[in-house]
Amino acid sequence: MLIIGIAGGSGSGKTTVVKKIVRALHKSAVTVIPQDAYYFDNGHLTKEEKLKINFDHPNSIEWDLLNEHLDDLKKGKSIAKPNYDYVSCARLENYDIIQPNKVIIVEGILVLSNEELRKRMDIKLFVSTDSDDRLMRIIKRDTLSRGRSLDAVLTHYSKYVQPMHQQFIEPAKLFADVIIPQGGENKVAIEMVVSRIKMYLP
């Protein structure tokens, strides 16, 4: 089993990179596990308290469970991956049963910031994108998909996203084996990564 970690700032284009890597490989051989599925359940909080959740801080993630799940997959065991809803800030009642696979991609803004998780990775990638481009994508995503107002998005960005990016996410770039500038638009870098992955596959 090959475990690949793909990190990068919020709105950097990680999801696009993941999709292009998956498309270039045999889809049946790749399983994607999003870091976001492992946010702690905050459904019990009030609406005001939920607005103060710092999703960009490492303490918001249940790393022990994610690492345990990766260990189980490597042992050939299936896992029950949680599902998280950003609107309610809660874990949903339904779980996804994930089977072991040849390639496991763990994707999320903070996946390179956790030392124990890094130890489990065979390839570590960091998607690097200009902060202005990231902000525009965040605005579009959060207003359309997460039900936030423009003012709420900008406030959340200045209070949480940008400071956490500088403190935790950007420094994790040093742990990457490959840095992919310009996200999913960098065809050369993605092709190089795909070629490297294929070397590991039978």
C-alpha atoms as a PDB file:
ATOM      1  CA  MET A   1       0.000   0.000   0.000  1.00  0.00           C
ATOM      2  CA  LEU A   2       1.232   3.467  -0.953  1.00  0.00           C
ATOM      3  CA  ILE A   3       0.093   6.354   1.267  1.00  0.00           C
ATOM      4  CA  ILE A   4       0.299   9.842  -0.244  1.00  0.00           C
ATOM      5  CA  GLY A   5      -0.246  13.050   1.703  1.00  0.00           C
ATOM      6  CA  ILE A   6      -1.384  16.158  -0.166  1.00  0.00           C
ATOM      7  CA  ALA A   7      -1.435  19.430   1.779  1.00  0.00           C
ATOM      8  CA  GLY A   8      -1.667  23.129   0.976  1.00  0.00           C
ATOM      9  CA  GLY A   9      -3.532  26.211   2.081  1.00  0.00           C
ATOM     10  CA  SER A  10      -7.299  26.525   1.998  1.00  0.00           C
ATOM     11  CA  GLY A  11      -8.341  27.221  -1.601  1.00  0.00           C
ATOM     12  CA  SER A  12      -4.939  26.215  -3.005  1.00  0.00           C
ATOM     13  CA  GLY A  13      -6.341  23.694  -5.463  1.00  0.00           C
ATOM     14  CA  LYS A  14      -5.591  20.480  -3.563  1.00  0.00           C
ATOM     15  CA  THR A  15      -8.835  18.867  -4.651  1.00  0.00           C
ATOM     16  CA  THR A  16      -8.068  19.585  -8.314  1.00  0.00           C
ATOM     17  CA  VAL A  17      -4.611  18.055  -7.951  1.00  0.00           C
ATOM     18  CA  VAL A  18      -6.108  14.972  -6.287  1.00  0.00           C
ATOM     19  CA  LYS A  19      -8.698  14.550  -9.058  1.00  0.00           C
ATOM     20  CA  LYS A  20      -6.054  14.802 -11.782  1.00  0.00           C
ATOM     21  CA  ILE A  21      -3.831  12.263 -10.052  1.00  0.00           C
ATOM     22  CA  VAL A  22      -6.745   9.852  -9.631  1.00  0.00           C
ATOM     23  CA  ARG A  23      -7.775  10.270 -13.280  1.00  0.00           C
ATOM     24  CA  ALA A  24      -4.229   9.484 -14.408  1.00  0.00           C
ATOM     25  CA  LEU A  25      -4.171   6.220 -12.444  1.00  0.00           C
ATOM     26  CA  HIS A  26      -6.490   3.233 -12.362  1.00  0.00           C
ATOM     27  CA  LYS A  27      -9.413   4.688 -10.395  1.00  0.00           C
ATOM     28  CA  SER A  28     -10.128   1.348  -8.747  1.00  0.00           C
ATOM     29  CA  ALA A  29      -6.623   1.367  -7.273  1.00  0.00           C
ATOM     30  CA  VAL A  30      -6.942   4.750  -5.522  1.00  0.00           C
ATOM     31  CA  THR A  31      -8.888   5.753  -2.421  1.00  0.00           C
ATOM     32  CA  VAL A  32      -9.046   9.374  -1.228  1.00  0.00           C
ATOM     33  CA  ILE A  33      -9.449  10.116   2.485  1.00  0.00           C
ATOM     34  CA  PRO A  34     -10.139  13.806   3.230  1.00  0.00           C
ATOM     35  CA  GLN A  35      -8.763  15.300   6.423  1.00  0.00           C
ATOM     36  CA  ASP A  36     -12.041  17.227   6.756  1.00  0.00           C
ATOM     37  CA  ALA A  37     -13.901  14.007   7.574  1.00  0.00           C
ATOM     38  CA  TYR A  38     -11.997  13.873  10.860  1.00  0.00           C
ATOM     39  CA  TYR A  39     -13.014  17.221  12.349  1.00  0.00           C
ATOM     40  CA  PHE A  40     -14.282  16.784  15.886  1.00  0.00           C
ATOM     41  CA  ASP A  41     -18.065  16.727  16.214  1.00  0.00           C
ATOM     42  CA  ASN A  42     -19.243  20.228  17.182  1.00  0.00           C
ATOM     43  CA  GLY A  43     -22.939  19.769  16.483  1.00  0.00           C
ATOM     44  CA  HIS A  44     -23.809  20.410  20.135  1.00  0.00           C
ATOM     45  CA  LEU A  45     -22.531  24.008  20.029  1.00  0.00           C
ATOM     46  CA  THR A  46     -24.721  27.078  19.590  1.00  0.00           C
ATOM     47  CA  LYS A  47     -24.758  28.957  16.274  1.00  0.00           C
ATOM     48  CA  GLU A  48     -22.601  31.700  17.786  1.00  0.00           C
ATOM     49  CA  GLU A  49     -20.108  29.172  19.128  1.00  0.00           C
ATOM     50  CA  LYS A  50     -19.918  27.389  15.769  1.00  0.00           C
ATOM     51  CA  LEU A  51     -18.919  30.633  14.058  1.00  0.00           C
ATOM     52  CA  LYS A  52     -15.883  30.768  16.342  1.00  0.00           C
ATOM     53  CA  ILE A  53     -14.594  27.303  15.457  1.00  0.00           C
ATOM     54  CA  ASN A  54     -11.052  27.454  14.159  1.00  0.00           C
ATOM     55  CA  PHE A  55     -11.083  24.772  11.449  1.00  0.00           C
ATOM     56  CA  ASP A  56      -7.527  25.719  10.454  1.00  0.00           C
ATOM     57  CA  HIS A  57      -5.911  24.781  13.768  1.00  0.00           C
ATOM     58  CA  PRO A  58      -4.432  21.285  14.183  1.00  0.00           C
ATOM     59  CA  ASN A  59      -6.418  20.801  17.401  1.00  0.00           C
ATOM     60  CA  SER A  60      -9.652  20.757  15.382  1.00  0.00           C
ATOM     61  CA  ILE A  61      -8.742  17.371  13.882  1.00  0.00           C
ATOM     62  CA  GLU A  62      -9.047  13.955  15.525  1.00  0.00           C
ATOM     63  CA  TRP A  63      -5.594  12.841  14.415  1.00  0.00           C
ATOM     64  CA  ASP A  64      -5.549   9.713  16.569  1.00  0.00           C
ATOM     65  CA  LEU A  65      -8.565   8.318  14.744  1.00  0.00           C
ATOM     66  CA  LEU A  66      -7.158   9.171  11.303  1.00  0.00           C
ATOM     67  CA  ASN A  67      -3.818   7.550  12.127  1.00  0.00           C
ATOM     68  CA  GLU A  68      -5.588   4.516  13.572  1.00  0.00           C
ATOM     69  CA  HIS A  69      -7.635   4.177  10.392  1.00  0.00           C
ATOM     70  CA  LEU A  70      -4.516   4.297   8.202  1.00  0.00           C
ATOM     71  CA  ASP A  71      -2.895   1.647  10.362  1.00  0.00           C
ATOM     72  CA  ASP A  72      -5.972  -0.560  10.004  1.00  0.00           C
ATOM     73  CA  LEU A  73      -5.976  -0.147   6.223  1.00  0.00           C
ATOM     74  CA  LYS A  74      -2.303  -1.120   6.056  1.00  0.00           C
ATOM     75  CA  LYS A  75      -3.162  -4.238   8.066  1.00  0.00           C
ATOM     76  CA  GLY A  76      -5.795  -5.136   5.483  1.00  0.00           C
ATOM     77  CA  LYS A  77      -8.774  -4.104   7.617  1.00  0.00           C
ATOM     78  CA  SER A  78     -11.702  -1.969   6.461  1.00  0.00           C
ATOM     79  CA  ILE A  79     -12.553   1.281   8.280  1.00  0.00           C
ATOM     80  CA  ALA A  80     -15.695   3.310   8.965  1.00  0.00           C
ATOM     81  CA  LYS A  81     -14.731   6.789   7.750  1.00  0.00           C
ATOM     82  CA  PRO A  82     -16.801   9.548   9.347  1.00  0.00           C
ATOM     83  CA  ASN A  83     -18.578  12.236   7.320  1.00  0.00           C
ATOM     84  CA  TYR A  84     -18.592  15.878   8.435  1.00  0.00           C
ATOM     85  CA  ASP A  85     -21.139  18.567   7.613  1.00  0.00           C
ATOM     86  CA  TYR A  86     -19.779  22.130   7.600  1.00  0.00           C
ATOM     87  CA  VAL A  87     -23.214  23.753   7.878  1.00  0.00           C
ATOM     88  CA  SER A  88     -24.145  21.962  11.108  1.00  0.00           C
ATOM     89  CA  CYS A  89     -20.501  21.524  12.211  1.00  0.00           C
ATOM     90  CA  ALA A  90     -21.385  17.948  13.104  1.00  0.00           C
ATOM     91  CA  ARG A  91     -20.454  14.455  12.098  1.00  0.00           C
ATOM     92  CA  LEU A  92     -23.242  12.790  10.200  1.00  0.00           C
ATOM     93  CA  GLU A  93     -24.811   9.570  11.426  1.00  0.00           C
ATOM     94  CA  ASN A  94     -23.762   7.670   8.292  1.00  0.00           C
ATOM     95  CA  TYR A  95     -20.229   6.386   7.787  1.00  0.00           C
ATOM     96  CA  ASP A  96     -18.409   5.298   4.630  1.00  0.00           C
ATOM     97  CA  ILE A  97     -16.905   1.827   4.723  1.00  0.00           C
ATOM     98  CA  ILE A  98     -13.451   2.069   3.160  1.00  0.00           C
ATOM     99  CA  GLN A  99     -11.567  -1.006   2.028  1.00  0.00           C
ATOM    100  CA  PRO A 100      -7.760  -1.296   1.791  1.00  0.00           C
ATOM    101  CA  ASN A 101      -6.401  -0.245  -1.595  1.00  0.00           C
ATOM    102  CA  LYS A 102      -3.120   0.002  -3.498  1.00  0.00           C
ATOM    103  CA  VAL A 103      -2.974   3.805  -3.170  1.00  0.00           C
ATOM    104  CA  ILE A 104      -4.424   5.870  -0.326  1.00  0.00           C
ATOM    105  CA  ILE A 105      -4.410   9.661  -0.733  1.00  0.00           C
ATOM    106  CA  VAL A 106      -4.840  11.671   2.473  1.00  0.00           C
ATOM    107  CA  GLU A 107      -5.764  15.222   1.507  1.00  0.00           C
ATOM    108  CA  GLY A 108      -6.195  18.346   3.646  1.00  0.00           C
ATOM    109  CA  ILE A 109      -4.708  21.657   4.689  1.00  0.00           C
ATOM    110  CA  LEU A 110      -2.994  20.259   7.792  1.00  0.00           C
ATOM    111  CA  VAL A 111      -1.985  16.717   6.842  1.00  0.00           C
ATOM    112  CA  LEU A 112       1.725  17.580   6.769  1.00  0.00           C
ATOM    113  CA  SER A 113       1.584  19.368  10.119  1.00  0.00           C
ATOM    114  CA  ASN A 114       1.025  16.174  12.111  1.00  0.00           C
ATOM    115  CA  GLU A 115       4.246  14.273  12.746  1.00  0.00           C
ATOM    116  CA  GLU A 116       2.602  10.900  13.382  1.00  0.00           C
ATOM    117  CA  LEU A 117       0.627  11.170  10.159  1.00  0.00           C
ATOM    118  CA  ARG A 118       3.760  12.140   8.194  1.00  0.00           C
ATOM    119  CA  LYS A 119       5.476   8.967   9.438  1.00  0.00           C
ATOM    120  CA  ARG A 120       2.798   6.930   7.705  1.00  0.00           C
ATOM    121  CA  MET A 121       3.233   8.666   4.333  1.00  0.00           C
ATOM    122  CA  ASP A 122       5.361   7.344   1.479  1.00  0.00           C
ATOM    123  CA  ILE A 123       5.028  10.511  -0.634  1.00  0.00           C
ATOM    124  CA  LYS A 124       4.338  14.011   0.697  1.00  0.00           C
ATOM    125  CA  LEU A 125       3.075  16.779  -1.613  1.00  0.00           C
ATOM    126  CA  PHE A 126       2.388  20.452  -0.949  1.00  0.00           C
ATOM    127  CA  VAL A 127       0.182  22.508  -3.283  1.00  0.00           C
ATOM    128  CA  SER A 128       1.387  26.130  -3.273  1.00  0.00           C
ATOM    129  CA  THR A 129      -0.886  28.907  -4.584  1.00  0.00           C
ATOM    130  CA  ASP A 130      -0.839  32.705  -4.320  1.00  0.00           C
ATOM    131  CA  SER A 131      -2.781  34.001  -1.305  1.00  0.00           C
ATOM    132  CA  ASP A 132      -5.016  36.277  -3.412  1.00  0.00           C
ATOM    133  CA  ASP A 133      -6.076  33.355  -5.594  1.00  0.00           C
ATOM    134  CA  ARG A 134      -6.758  31.254  -2.518  1.00  0.00           C
ATOM    135  CA  LEU A 135      -8.919  33.972  -0.975  1.00  0.00           C
ATOM    136  CA  MET A 136     -11.065  34.286  -4.103  1.00  0.00           C
ATOM    137  CA  ARG A 137     -11.662  30.523  -4.122  1.00  0.00           C
ATOM    138  CA  ILE A 138     -12.493  30.540  -0.409  1.00  0.00           C
ATOM    139  CA  ILE A 139     -15.070  33.299  -0.907  1.00  0.00           C
ATOM    140  CA  LYS A 140     -16.744  31.406  -3.742  1.00  0.00           C
ATOM    141  CA  ARG A 141     -16.704  28.086  -1.889  1.00  0.00           C
ATOM    142  CA  ASP A 142     -17.898  29.311   1.504  1.00  0.00           C
ATOM    143  CA  THR A 143     -20.705  31.511   0.182  1.00  0.00           C
ATOM    144  CA  LEU A 144     -22.048  28.858  -2.193  1.00  0.00           C
ATOM    145  CA  SER A 145     -21.402  25.615  -0.294  1.00  0.00           C
ATOM    146  CA  ARG A 146     -21.234  26.552   3.371  1.00  0.00           C
ATOM    147  CA  GLY A 147     -23.956  29.161   3.614  1.00  0.00           C
ATOM    148  CA  ARG A 148     -21.760  32.005   4.843  1.00  0.00           C
ATOM    149  CA  SER A 149     -22.163  35.679   4.016  1.00  0.00           C
ATOM    150  CA  LEU A 150     -19.319  37.556   2.327  1.00  0.00           C
ATOM    151  CA  ASP A 151     -18.699  39.534   5.506  1.00  0.00           C
ATOM    152  CA  ALA A 152     -18.574  36.338   7.576  1.00  0.00           C
ATOM    153  CA  VAL A 153     -16.117  34.743   5.139  1.00  0.00           C
ATOM    154  CA  LEU A 154     -13.763  37.731   5.209  1.00  0.00           C
ATOM    155  CA  THR A 155     -13.934  37.975   9.001  1.00  0.00           C
ATOM    156  CA  HIS A 156     -13.236  34.259   9.365  1.00  0.00           C
ATOM    157  CA  TYR A 157     -10.363  34.497   6.874  1.00  0.00           C
ATOM    158  CA  SER A 158      -8.618  37.362   8.659  1.00  0.00           C
ATOM    159  CA  LYS A 159      -9.185  35.924  12.128  1.00  0.00           C
ATOM    160  CA  TYR A 160      -8.481  32.251  11.511  1.00  0.00           C
ATOM    161  CA  VAL A 161      -7.509  31.165   7.995  1.00  0.00           C
ATOM    162  CA  GLN A 162      -4.623  33.514   7.262  1.00  0.00           C
ATOM    163  CA  PRO A 163      -2.978  33.419  10.733  1.00  0.00           C
ATOM    164  CA  MET A 164      -3.213  29.610  10.867  1.00  0.00           C
ATOM    165  CA  HIS A 165      -1.818  29.371   7.352  1.00  0.00           C
ATOM    166  CA  GLN A 166       1.254  31.300   8.419  1.00  0.00           C
ATOM    167  CA  GLN A 167       1.639  29.419  11.701  1.00  0.00           C
ATOM    168  CA  PHE A 168       0.944  25.816  10.710  1.00  0.00           C
ATOM    169  CA  ILE A 169       0.326  25.232   7.008  1.00  0.00           C
ATOM    170  CA  GLU A 170       3.044  27.189   5.215  1.00  0.00           C
ATOM    171  CA  PRO A 171       5.823  25.900   7.542  1.00  0.00           C
ATOM    172  CA  ALA A 172       4.726  22.308   6.765  1.00  0.00           C
ATOM    173  CA  LYS A 173       5.905  22.896   3.198  1.00  0.00           C
ATOM    174  CA  LEU A 174       9.387  22.011   4.481  1.00  0.00           C
ATOM    175  CA  PHE A 175       8.250  18.410   5.005  1.00  0.00           C
ATOM    176  CA  ALA A 176       7.062  17.973   1.411  1.00  0.00           C
ATOM    177  CA  ASP A 177       8.911  15.761  -1.049  1.00  0.00           C
ATOM    178  CA  VAL A 178       7.419  17.756  -3.915  1.00  0.00           C
ATOM    179  CA  ILE A 179       5.975  21.281  -3.995  1.00  0.00           C
ATOM    180  CA  ILE A 180       3.394  21.886  -6.720  1.00  0.00           C
ATOM    181  CA  PRO A 181       3.077  25.598  -7.586  1.00  0.00           C
ATOM    182  CA  GLN A 182      -0.129  26.842  -9.273  1.00  0.00           C
ATOM    183  CA  GLY A 183      -2.153  23.861  -8.087  1.00  0.00           C
ATOM    184  CA  GLY A 184      -4.009  21.834 -10.680  1.00  0.00           C
ATOM    185  CA  GLU A 185      -2.737  24.043 -13.506  1.00  0.00           C
ATOM    186  CA  ASN A 186       0.786  22.669 -13.139  1.00  0.00           C
ATOM    187  CA  LYS A 187       0.566  19.801 -15.597  1.00  0.00           C
ATOM    188  CA  VAL A 188       4.313  19.058 -15.569  1.00  0.00           C
ATOM    189  CA  ALA A 189       4.489  18.620 -11.797  1.00  0.00           C
ATOM    190  CA  ILE A 190       1.381  16.445 -11.732  1.00  0.00           C
ATOM    191  CA  GLU A 191       2.717  14.250 -14.547  1.00  0.00           C
ATOM    192  CA  MET A 192       5.994  13.813 -12.641  1.00  0.00           C
ATOM    193  CA  VAL A 193       4.122  12.827  -9.480  1.00  0.00           C
ATOM    194  CA  VAL A 194       1.922  10.373 -11.382  1.00  0.00           C
ATOM    195  CA  SER A 195       4.994   8.784 -12.972  1.00  0.00           C
ATOM    196  CA  ARG A 196       6.563   8.364  -9.539  1.00  0.00           C
ATOM    197  CA  ILE A 197       3.403   6.760  -8.150  1.00  0.00           C
ATOM    198  CA  LYS A 198       3.235   4.322 -11.068  1.00  0.00           C
ATOM    199  CA  MET A 199       6.739   3.156 -10.197  1.00  0.00           C
ATOM    200  CA  TYR A 200       5.371   1.872  -6.894  1.00  0.00           C
ATOM    201  CA  LEU A 201       2.398   0.100  -8.447  1.00  0.00           C
ATOM    202  CA  PRO A 202       2.686  -3.482  -9.671  1.00  0.00           C
END
